[in-house]
Amino acid sequence: MADREVGQLYDSAMKVLGPAFRFGWRIHVEGLENLPEEGPAILCPNHTSVLDSFFLPVALPRRITYVGKAEYMDSWKTKHLFPALGMIPIDRAGGNASERALAAAQSVLERGELFGIYPEGTRSRTGQLYRGHTGPARLAMRTGAPIVPVGIRGAREIMPPGAKVPRPFRSCVIRFGRPIEVERYRDRADDRLGLRQIIDEVMYEIRELSGQEYVDEYATKKAEALPTETAHISAPDPGAPDGNGERPRRTSAEVLQARSAG
């Protein structure tokens, strides 16, 4: 898909959707100072409602480009609209199709723009937070862009799974976490365990921001229909303040260790 076909209606759509969404719902934004004012960044939100892809752009002061499931390109209702609003279709079956979508995402980041991707890969119909895929980590390693975890709360209550229309005049909270830099993994660009450690750290931060229960398995329709075993990820241990007076972030390895012990 040519670059000119992606996002050509974005600015016009935001002029309409922004006021409409702010009138229809109370959108509270927290941690916006964690979003870079300029330059590339990968935004990784949780995903519990079809409205997430609208609430986040409305809350942002900068333009964002998303990936979305390739099935949207099969419907006449969405095959032109969604790409025009900034969606890059991605084949969730993996392989070369997914790689092409990630390459397109890389070009977005190399232009210094924001790129959004749901690390769970699909919408959580149970409301729980599922295991993340490593696509965002690969992008961060390729481009050096920081990953900004995002927790969206309330969108599921506004439009639950199966709902035909959203419920008006309810509240939605969007929380931006501290950016996760991947520089310390630079010498492990092709290490699958390194990519897993990065995305586990991202999912830990999303859980803290969203307040969701974490499930240590990938989100699939089959998994959603069965009872699940949840994994508890304990909070970081207190430590000495760093040079900025902040408590050090727990390492990804510690996240993995906590998951194994949970």
C-alpha atoms as a PDB file:
ATOM      1  CA  MET A   1       0.000   0.000   0.000  1.00  0.00           C
ATOM      2  CA  ALA A   2       1.437   3.355  -1.019  1.00  0.00           C
ATOM      3  CA  ASP A   3       2.223   5.881   1.705  1.00  0.00           C
ATOM      4  CA  ARG A   4      -0.139   8.393   0.134  1.00  0.00           C
ATOM      5  CA  GLU A   5      -3.062   5.987   0.676  1.00  0.00           C
ATOM      6  CA  VAL A   6      -2.485   5.821   4.451  1.00  0.00           C
ATOM      7  CA  GLY A   7      -3.766   8.638   6.613  1.00  0.00           C
ATOM      8  CA  GLN A   8      -4.939  10.997   3.908  1.00  0.00           C
ATOM      9  CA  LEU A   9      -8.181  11.743   5.789  1.00  0.00           C
ATOM     10  CA  TYR A  10      -6.644  11.784   9.274  1.00  0.00           C
ATOM     11  CA  ASP A  11      -6.615  15.538   9.893  1.00  0.00           C
ATOM     12  CA  SER A  12     -10.139  16.007   8.594  1.00  0.00           C
ATOM     13  CA  ALA A  13     -11.427  13.047  10.608  1.00  0.00           C
ATOM     14  CA  MET A  14      -9.888  14.342  13.853  1.00  0.00           C
ATOM     15  CA  LYS A  15     -11.587  17.714  13.371  1.00  0.00           C
ATOM     16  CA  VAL A  16     -14.914  15.877  13.360  1.00  0.00           C
ATOM     17  CA  LEU A  17     -14.248  12.999  15.756  1.00  0.00           C
ATOM     18  CA  GLY A  18     -12.445  15.041  18.412  1.00  0.00           C
ATOM     19  CA  PRO A  19     -15.369  17.317  19.349  1.00  0.00           C
ATOM     20  CA  ALA A  20     -17.905  14.508  18.879  1.00  0.00           C
ATOM     21  CA  PHE A  21     -16.081  12.114  21.217  1.00  0.00           C
ATOM     22  CA  ARG A  22     -15.437  14.779  23.844  1.00  0.00           C
ATOM     23  CA  PHE A  23     -19.124  15.649  23.819  1.00  0.00           C
ATOM     24  CA  GLY A  24     -20.263  12.026  23.961  1.00  0.00           C
ATOM     25  CA  TRP A  25     -17.855  10.849  26.676  1.00  0.00           C
ATOM     26  CA  ARG A  26     -15.690  12.219  29.472  1.00  0.00           C
ATOM     27  CA  ILE A  27     -12.147  11.451  28.342  1.00  0.00           C
ATOM     28  CA  HIS A  28      -9.528  11.889  31.070  1.00  0.00           C
ATOM     29  CA  VAL A  29      -5.866  11.858  30.070  1.00  0.00           C
ATOM     30  CA  GLU A  30      -3.016  11.180  32.516  1.00  0.00           C
ATOM     31  CA  GLY A  31       0.743  11.098  32.027  1.00  0.00           C
ATOM     32  CA  LEU A  32       0.759  13.028  28.773  1.00  0.00           C
ATOM     33  CA  GLU A  33       4.143  14.421  29.802  1.00  0.00           C
ATOM     34  CA  ASN A  34       5.541  10.931  29.117  1.00  0.00           C
ATOM     35  CA  LEU A  35       4.753  11.310  25.426  1.00  0.00           C
ATOM     36  CA  PRO A  36       7.675  12.750  23.394  1.00  0.00           C
ATOM     37  CA  GLU A  37       6.782  16.174  22.022  1.00  0.00           C
ATOM     38  CA  GLU A  38       8.596  15.299  18.809  1.00  0.00           C
ATOM     39  CA  GLY A  39      10.389  12.374  17.260  1.00  0.00           C
ATOM     40  CA  PRO A  40       9.333   8.739  16.908  1.00  0.00           C
ATOM     41  CA  ALA A  41       7.657   6.633  19.571  1.00  0.00           C
ATOM     42  CA  ILE A  42       5.802   3.317  19.614  1.00  0.00           C
ATOM     43  CA  LEU A  43       2.555   3.480  21.584  1.00  0.00           C
ATOM     44  CA  CYS A  44       1.413   0.149  23.032  1.00  0.00           C
ATOM     45  CA  PRO A  45      -2.108   0.268  24.516  1.00  0.00           C
ATOM     46  CA  ASN A  46      -4.247  -2.493  25.947  1.00  0.00           C
ATOM     47  CA  HIS A  47      -7.218  -3.418  23.793  1.00  0.00           C
ATOM     48  CA  THR A  48     -10.643  -4.243  25.233  1.00  0.00           C
ATOM     49  CA  SER A  49     -13.006  -2.285  22.956  1.00  0.00           C
ATOM     50  CA  VAL A  50     -13.371  -1.384  19.297  1.00  0.00           C
ATOM     51  CA  LEU A  51     -13.399   2.241  20.466  1.00  0.00           C
ATOM     52  CA  ASP A  52      -9.761   2.108  21.661  1.00  0.00           C
ATOM     53  CA  SER A  53      -8.532   3.022  18.176  1.00  0.00           C
ATOM     54  CA  PHE A  54     -10.653   6.185  18.337  1.00  0.00           C
ATOM     55  CA  PHE A  55     -10.183   7.238  21.962  1.00  0.00           C
ATOM     56  CA  LEU A  56      -6.380   7.209  21.785  1.00  0.00           C
ATOM     57  CA  PRO A  57      -6.018   9.438  18.680  1.00  0.00           C
ATOM     58  CA  VAL A  58      -8.575  11.862  20.136  1.00  0.00           C
ATOM     59  CA  ALA A  59      -6.496  12.118  23.326  1.00  0.00           C
ATOM     60  CA  LEU A  60      -3.209  12.711  21.508  1.00  0.00           C
ATOM     61  CA  PRO A  61      -1.773  16.108  20.549  1.00  0.00           C
ATOM     62  CA  ARG A  62       0.137  14.401  17.719  1.00  0.00           C
ATOM     63  CA  ARG A  63      -0.865  12.288  14.757  1.00  0.00           C
ATOM     64  CA  ILE A  64      -0.643   8.509  15.169  1.00  0.00           C
ATOM     65  CA  THR A  65      -0.604   5.687  12.626  1.00  0.00           C
ATOM     66  CA  TYR A  66      -1.959   2.268  13.630  1.00  0.00           C
ATOM     67  CA  VAL A  67      -1.805  -1.295  12.423  1.00  0.00           C
ATOM     68  CA  GLY A  68      -5.088  -3.137  12.053  1.00  0.00           C
ATOM     69  CA  LYS A  69      -6.162  -6.625  11.019  1.00  0.00           C
ATOM     70  CA  ALA A  70      -5.988  -7.283   7.289  1.00  0.00           C
ATOM     71  CA  GLU A  71      -9.581  -8.567   7.326  1.00  0.00           C
ATOM     72  CA  TYR A  72     -10.733  -4.931   7.324  1.00  0.00           C
ATOM     73  CA  MET A  73      -9.505  -4.771   3.716  1.00  0.00           C
ATOM     74  CA  ASP A  74     -12.051  -7.435   2.720  1.00  0.00           C
ATOM     75  CA  SER A  75     -15.078  -5.272   3.527  1.00  0.00           C
ATOM     76  CA  TRP A  76     -16.236  -2.502   1.221  1.00  0.00           C
ATOM     77  CA  LYS A  77     -17.241  -0.516   4.320  1.00  0.00           C
ATOM     78  CA  THR A  78     -13.728  -0.311   5.726  1.00  0.00           C
ATOM     79  CA  LYS A  79     -11.170  -1.167   2.993  1.00  0.00           C
ATOM     80  CA  HIS A  80     -10.756   2.502   2.013  1.00  0.00           C
ATOM     81  CA  LEU A  81     -11.871   4.291   5.183  1.00  0.00           C
ATOM     82  CA  PHE A  82      -9.520   2.690   7.718  1.00  0.00           C
ATOM     83  CA  PRO A  83      -6.294   3.162   5.708  1.00  0.00           C
ATOM     84  CA  ALA A  84      -7.326   6.749   4.972  1.00  0.00           C
ATOM     85  CA  LEU A  85      -7.593   7.272   8.746  1.00  0.00           C
ATOM     86  CA  GLY A  86      -4.048   5.961   9.211  1.00  0.00           C
ATOM     87  CA  MET A  87      -4.376   2.178   9.535  1.00  0.00           C
ATOM     88  CA  ILE A  88      -1.722  -0.128   8.087  1.00  0.00           C
ATOM     89  CA  PRO A  89      -3.243  -3.588   7.525  1.00  0.00           C
ATOM     90  CA  ILE A  90      -1.344  -6.506   9.055  1.00  0.00           C
ATOM     91  CA  ASP A  91      -1.866 -10.215   8.417  1.00  0.00           C
ATOM     92  CA  ARG A  92      -2.118 -11.821  11.856  1.00  0.00           C
ATOM     93  CA  ALA A  93      -1.203 -15.192  10.354  1.00  0.00           C
ATOM     94  CA  GLY A  94       2.394 -13.991  10.374  1.00  0.00           C
ATOM     95  CA  GLY A  95       5.075 -14.620   7.758  1.00  0.00           C
ATOM     96  CA  ASN A  96       5.963 -12.258   4.921  1.00  0.00           C
ATOM     97  CA  ALA A  97       2.682 -10.330   5.132  1.00  0.00           C
ATOM     98  CA  SER A  98       3.335  -9.339   8.732  1.00  0.00           C
ATOM     99  CA  GLU A  99       6.907  -8.423   7.851  1.00  0.00           C
ATOM    100  CA  ARG A 100       5.682  -6.063   5.116  1.00  0.00           C
ATOM    101  CA  ALA A 101       3.388  -4.329   7.601  1.00  0.00           C
ATOM    102  CA  LEU A 102       6.232  -3.960  10.105  1.00  0.00           C
ATOM    103  CA  ALA A 103       8.417  -2.511   7.355  1.00  0.00           C
ATOM    104  CA  ALA A 104       5.704   0.068   6.655  1.00  0.00           C
ATOM    105  CA  ALA A 105       5.540   0.832  10.375  1.00  0.00           C
ATOM    106  CA  GLN A 106       9.316   1.286  10.411  1.00  0.00           C
ATOM    107  CA  SER A 107       9.037   3.932   7.701  1.00  0.00           C
ATOM    108  CA  VAL A 108       6.480   5.792   9.859  1.00  0.00           C
ATOM    109  CA  LEU A 109       8.900   5.851  12.791  1.00  0.00           C
ATOM    110  CA  GLU A 110      11.827   6.853  10.618  1.00  0.00           C
ATOM    111  CA  ARG A 111       9.815   9.930   9.602  1.00  0.00           C
ATOM    112  CA  GLY A 112       9.727  10.860  13.290  1.00  0.00           C
ATOM    113  CA  GLU A 113       6.043  10.086  13.811  1.00  0.00           C
ATOM    114  CA  LEU A 114       4.010   8.138  16.381  1.00  0.00           C
ATOM    115  CA  PHE A 115       3.068   4.561  15.661  1.00  0.00           C
ATOM    116  CA  GLY A 116       0.452   2.557  17.575  1.00  0.00           C
ATOM    117  CA  ILE A 117       0.265  -1.210  17.876  1.00  0.00           C
ATOM    118  CA  TYR A 118      -1.704  -3.487  20.210  1.00  0.00           C
ATOM    119  CA  PRO A 119       0.883  -5.878  21.684  1.00  0.00           C
ATOM    120  CA  GLU A 120      -1.822  -8.452  22.493  1.00  0.00           C
ATOM    121  CA  GLY A 121      -2.506  -8.717  18.752  1.00  0.00           C
ATOM    122  CA  THR A 122      -6.287  -8.735  19.115  1.00  0.00           C
ATOM    123  CA  ARG A 123      -9.049  -7.395  21.311  1.00  0.00           C
ATOM    124  CA  SER A 124      -9.511  -8.980  24.738  1.00  0.00           C
ATOM    125  CA  ARG A 125     -13.133  -9.987  25.015  1.00  0.00           C
ATOM    126  CA  THR A 126     -12.746 -11.066  28.634  1.00  0.00           C
ATOM    127  CA  GLY A 127     -11.354  -7.712  29.778  1.00  0.00           C
ATOM    128  CA  GLN A 128      -8.147  -9.375  30.988  1.00  0.00           C
ATOM    129  CA  LEU A 129      -4.661  -8.480  29.783  1.00  0.00           C
ATOM    130  CA  TYR A 130      -3.029 -11.174  27.688  1.00  0.00           C
ATOM    131  CA  ARG A 131       0.560 -12.033  26.798  1.00  0.00           C
ATOM    132  CA  GLY A 132       2.205  -9.630  24.370  1.00  0.00           C
ATOM    133  CA  HIS A 133       3.637 -10.434  20.947  1.00  0.00           C
ATOM    134  CA  THR A 134       7.175  -9.289  20.150  1.00  0.00           C
ATOM    135  CA  GLY A 135       6.359  -7.082  17.118  1.00  0.00           C
ATOM    136  CA  PRO A 136       6.678  -3.805  19.070  1.00  0.00           C
ATOM    137  CA  ALA A 137      10.037  -4.932  20.469  1.00  0.00           C
ATOM    138  CA  ARG A 138      11.309  -5.719  16.973  1.00  0.00           C
ATOM    139  CA  LEU A 139      10.268  -2.274  15.784  1.00  0.00           C
ATOM    140  CA  ALA A 140      11.971  -0.600  18.712  1.00  0.00           C
ATOM    141  CA  MET A 141      15.185  -2.531  18.098  1.00  0.00           C
ATOM    142  CA  ARG A 142      15.179  -1.632  14.406  1.00  0.00           C
ATOM    143  CA  THR A 143      14.478   2.061  14.846  1.00  0.00           C
ATOM    144  CA  GLY A 144      15.675   2.942  18.352  1.00  0.00           C
ATOM    145  CA  ALA A 145      12.246   4.438  19.068  1.00  0.00           C
ATOM    146  CA  PRO A 146      11.071   4.253  22.688  1.00  0.00           C
ATOM    147  CA  ILE A 147       8.007   2.208  23.591  1.00  0.00           C
ATOM    148  CA  VAL A 148       5.316   4.116  25.493  1.00  0.00           C
ATOM    149  CA  PRO A 149       2.934   1.784  27.382  1.00  0.00           C
ATOM    150  CA  VAL A 150      -0.675   2.988  27.479  1.00  0.00           C
ATOM    151  CA  GLY A 151      -3.483   1.871  29.772  1.00  0.00           C
ATOM    152  CA  ILE A 152      -7.065   2.530  28.634  1.00  0.00           C
ATOM    153  CA  ARG A 153      -9.774   2.150  31.260  1.00  0.00           C
ATOM    154  CA  GLY A 154     -13.515   2.465  30.731  1.00  0.00           C
ATOM    155  CA  ALA A 155     -13.713   1.867  26.973  1.00  0.00           C
ATOM    156  CA  ARG A 156     -15.013  -1.662  27.483  1.00  0.00           C
ATOM    157  CA  GLU A 157     -17.841  -0.350  29.664  1.00  0.00           C
ATOM    158  CA  ILE A 158     -18.713   2.218  27.001  1.00  0.00           C
ATOM    159  CA  MET A 159     -18.907  -0.406  24.255  1.00  0.00           C
ATOM    160  CA  PRO A 160     -18.802  -3.998  25.549  1.00  0.00           C
ATOM    161  CA  PRO A 161     -18.163  -6.966  23.233  1.00  0.00           C
ATOM    162  CA  GLY A 162     -21.168  -7.594  21.023  1.00  0.00           C
ATOM    163  CA  ALA A 163     -22.720  -4.165  21.603  1.00  0.00           C
ATOM    164  CA  LYS A 164     -24.259  -2.543  18.532  1.00  0.00           C
ATOM    165  CA  VAL A 165     -23.809   1.037  19.734  1.00  0.00           C
ATOM    166  CA  PRO A 166     -21.708   2.674  22.475  1.00  0.00           C
ATOM    167  CA  ARG A 167     -23.168   3.902  25.749  1.00  0.00           C
ATOM    168  CA  PRO A 168     -23.025   7.713  25.883  1.00  0.00           C
ATOM    169  CA  PHE A 169     -21.851  10.077  28.617  1.00  0.00           C
ATOM    170  CA  ARG A 170     -19.583   7.601  30.416  1.00  0.00           C
ATOM    171  CA  SER A 171     -15.947   8.103  31.424  1.00  0.00           C
ATOM    172  CA  CYS A 172     -12.788   6.803  29.812  1.00  0.00           C
ATOM    173  CA  VAL A 173      -9.289   7.199  31.285  1.00  0.00           C
ATOM    174  CA  ILE A 174      -6.159   7.031  29.136  1.00  0.00           C
ATOM    175  CA  ARG A 175      -2.849   6.743  31.001  1.00  0.00           C
ATOM    176  CA  PHE A 176       0.564   7.110  29.376  1.00  0.00           C
ATOM    177  CA  GLY A 177       3.454   5.400  31.144  1.00  0.00           C
ATOM    178  CA  ARG A 178       7.141   6.229  31.170  1.00  0.00           C
ATOM    179  CA  PRO A 179       8.889   5.414  27.871  1.00  0.00           C
ATOM    180  CA  ILE A 180      10.792   2.138  27.790  1.00  0.00           C
ATOM    181  CA  GLU A 181      14.158   2.489  26.065  1.00  0.00           C
ATOM    182  CA  VAL A 182      15.678  -0.583  24.401  1.00  0.00           C
ATOM    183  CA  GLU A 183      19.243   0.665  24.092  1.00  0.00           C
ATOM    184  CA  ARG A 184      20.482  -1.848  26.666  1.00  0.00           C
ATOM    185  CA  TYR A 185      19.346  -4.664  24.351  1.00  0.00           C
ATOM    186  CA  ARG A 186      21.195  -3.347  21.279  1.00  0.00           C
ATOM    187  CA  ASP A 187      23.676  -6.225  21.243  1.00  0.00           C
ATOM    188  CA  ARG A 188      20.772  -8.720  21.311  1.00  0.00           C
ATOM    189  CA  ALA A 189      18.817  -7.543  18.269  1.00  0.00           C
ATOM    190  CA  ASP A 190      18.328 -11.102  16.976  1.00  0.00           C
ATOM    191  CA  ASP A 191      17.861 -12.706  20.380  1.00  0.00           C
ATOM    192  CA  ARG A 192      14.289 -13.978  20.787  1.00  0.00           C
ATOM    193  CA  LEU A 193      14.668 -14.044  24.570  1.00  0.00           C
ATOM    194  CA  GLY A 194      15.747 -10.401  24.539  1.00  0.00           C
ATOM    195  CA  LEU A 195      12.658  -9.459  22.515  1.00  0.00           C
ATOM    196  CA  ARG A 196      10.488 -11.431  24.945  1.00  0.00           C
ATOM    197  CA  GLN A 197      12.031  -9.617  27.912  1.00  0.00           C
ATOM    198  CA  ILE A 198      11.279  -6.250  26.335  1.00  0.00           C
ATOM    199  CA  ILE A 199       7.637  -7.048  25.628  1.00  0.00           C
ATOM    200  CA  ASP A 200       7.144  -8.615  29.067  1.00  0.00           C
ATOM    201  CA  GLU A 201       8.312  -5.339  30.588  1.00  0.00           C
ATOM    202  CA  VAL A 202       5.852  -3.472  28.354  1.00  0.00           C
ATOM    203  CA  MET A 203       2.979  -5.733  29.430  1.00  0.00           C
ATOM    204  CA  TYR A 204       3.888  -5.287  33.093  1.00  0.00           C
ATOM    205  CA  GLU A 205       3.668  -1.509  32.703  1.00  0.00           C
ATOM    206  CA  ILE A 206       0.362  -1.743  30.814  1.00  0.00           C
ATOM    207  CA  ARG A 207      -1.058  -3.856  33.618  1.00  0.00           C
ATOM    208  CA  GLU A 208      -0.026  -1.242  36.170  1.00  0.00           C
ATOM    209  CA  LEU A 209      -1.653   1.508  34.090  1.00  0.00           C
ATOM    210  CA  SER A 210      -4.867  -0.327  33.213  1.00  0.00           C
ATOM    211  CA  GLY A 211      -5.422  -2.275  36.440  1.00  0.00           C
ATOM    212  CA  GLN A 212      -6.252  -5.412  34.465  1.00  0.00           C
ATOM    213  CA  GLU A 213      -5.764  -8.984  35.558  1.00  0.00           C
ATOM    214  CA  TYR A 214      -2.859 -10.561  33.659  1.00  0.00           C
ATOM    215  CA  VAL A 215      -3.271 -13.882  31.837  1.00  0.00           C
ATOM    216  CA  ASP A 216      -0.077 -15.634  30.781  1.00  0.00           C
ATOM    217  CA  GLU A 217      -1.297 -16.832  27.392  1.00  0.00           C
ATOM    218  CA  TYR A 218      -1.984 -15.297  24.008  1.00  0.00           C
ATOM    219  CA  ALA A 219      -5.421 -13.836  23.366  1.00  0.00           C
ATOM    220  CA  THR A 220      -7.417 -16.114  21.079  1.00  0.00           C
ATOM    221  CA  LYS A 221     -11.092 -16.871  20.739  1.00  0.00           C
ATOM    222  CA  LYS A 222     -10.419 -20.406  21.977  1.00  0.00           C
ATOM    223  CA  ALA A 223      -8.623 -19.114  25.069  1.00  0.00           C
ATOM    224  CA  GLU A 224     -11.424 -16.657  25.763  1.00  0.00           C
ATOM    225  CA  ALA A 225     -13.986 -19.459  25.839  1.00  0.00           C
ATOM    226  CA  LEU A 226     -12.096 -21.536  28.399  1.00  0.00           C
ATOM    227  CA  PRO A 227     -11.233 -20.977  32.068  1.00  0.00           C
ATOM    228  CA  THR A 228      -7.797 -19.389  32.322  1.00  0.00           C
ATOM    229  CA  GLU A 229      -4.987 -19.547  34.814  1.00  0.00           C
ATOM    230  CA  THR A 230      -3.804 -16.075  35.713  1.00  0.00           C
ATOM    231  CA  ALA A 231      -0.241 -15.096  36.461  1.00  0.00           C
ATOM    232  CA  HIS A 232       0.524 -12.593  39.162  1.00  0.00           C
ATOM    233  CA  ILE A 233       3.353 -10.168  38.431  1.00  0.00           C
ATOM    234  CA  SER A 234       4.529  -8.630  41.655  1.00  0.00           C
ATOM    235  CA  ALA A 235       5.398  -4.962  41.943  1.00  0.00           C
ATOM    236  CA  PRO A 236       9.029  -3.879  41.584  1.00  0.00           C
ATOM    237  CA  ASP A 237      11.151  -4.045  44.699  1.00  0.00           C
ATOM    238  CA  PRO A 238      12.109  -0.675  46.141  1.00  0.00           C
ATOM    239  CA  GLY A 239      15.612   0.462  45.268  1.00  0.00           C
ATOM    240  CA  ALA A 240      17.951   3.390  45.535  1.00  0.00           C
ATOM    241  CA  PRO A 241      16.873   6.461  43.529  1.00  0.00           C
ATOM    242  CA  ASP A 242      18.574   6.985  40.205  1.00  0.00           C
ATOM    243  CA  GLY A 243      20.168  10.216  38.982  1.00  0.00           C
ATOM    244  CA  ASN A 244      16.753  11.733  38.379  1.00  0.00           C
ATOM    245  CA  GLY A 245      15.534  10.897  41.867  1.00  0.00           C
ATOM    246  CA  GLU A 246      13.265   8.152  40.548  1.00  0.00           C
ATOM    247  CA  ARG A 247      13.040   4.553  41.667  1.00  0.00           C
ATOM    248  CA  PRO A 248      14.745   2.311  39.095  1.00  0.00           C
ATOM    249  CA  ARG A 249      12.484   0.417  36.710  1.00  0.00           C
ATOM    250  CA  ARG A 250      12.405  -3.333  37.264  1.00  0.00           C
ATOM    251  CA  THR A 251      14.306  -5.198  34.558  1.00  0.00           C
ATOM    252  CA  SER A 252      12.576  -7.467  32.068  1.00  0.00           C
ATOM    253  CA  ALA A 253      14.462 -10.443  33.448  1.00  0.00           C
ATOM    254  CA  GLU A 254      12.913  -9.791  36.846  1.00  0.00           C
ATOM    255  CA  VAL A 255       9.485  -9.631  35.215  1.00  0.00           C
ATOM    256  CA  LEU A 256      10.071 -13.032  33.669  1.00  0.00           C
ATOM    257  CA  GLN A 257      11.310 -14.418  36.961  1.00  0.00           C
ATOM    258  CA  ALA A 258       8.207 -13.137  38.730  1.00  0.00           C
ATOM    259  CA  ARG A 259       5.999 -14.756  36.101  1.00  0.00           C
ATOM    260  CA  SER A 260       7.712 -18.095  36.576  1.00  0.00           C
ATOM    261  CA  ALA A 261       7.324 -17.886  40.345  1.00  0.00           C
ATOM    262  CA  GLY A 262       3.695 -16.695  40.233  1.00  0.00           C
END
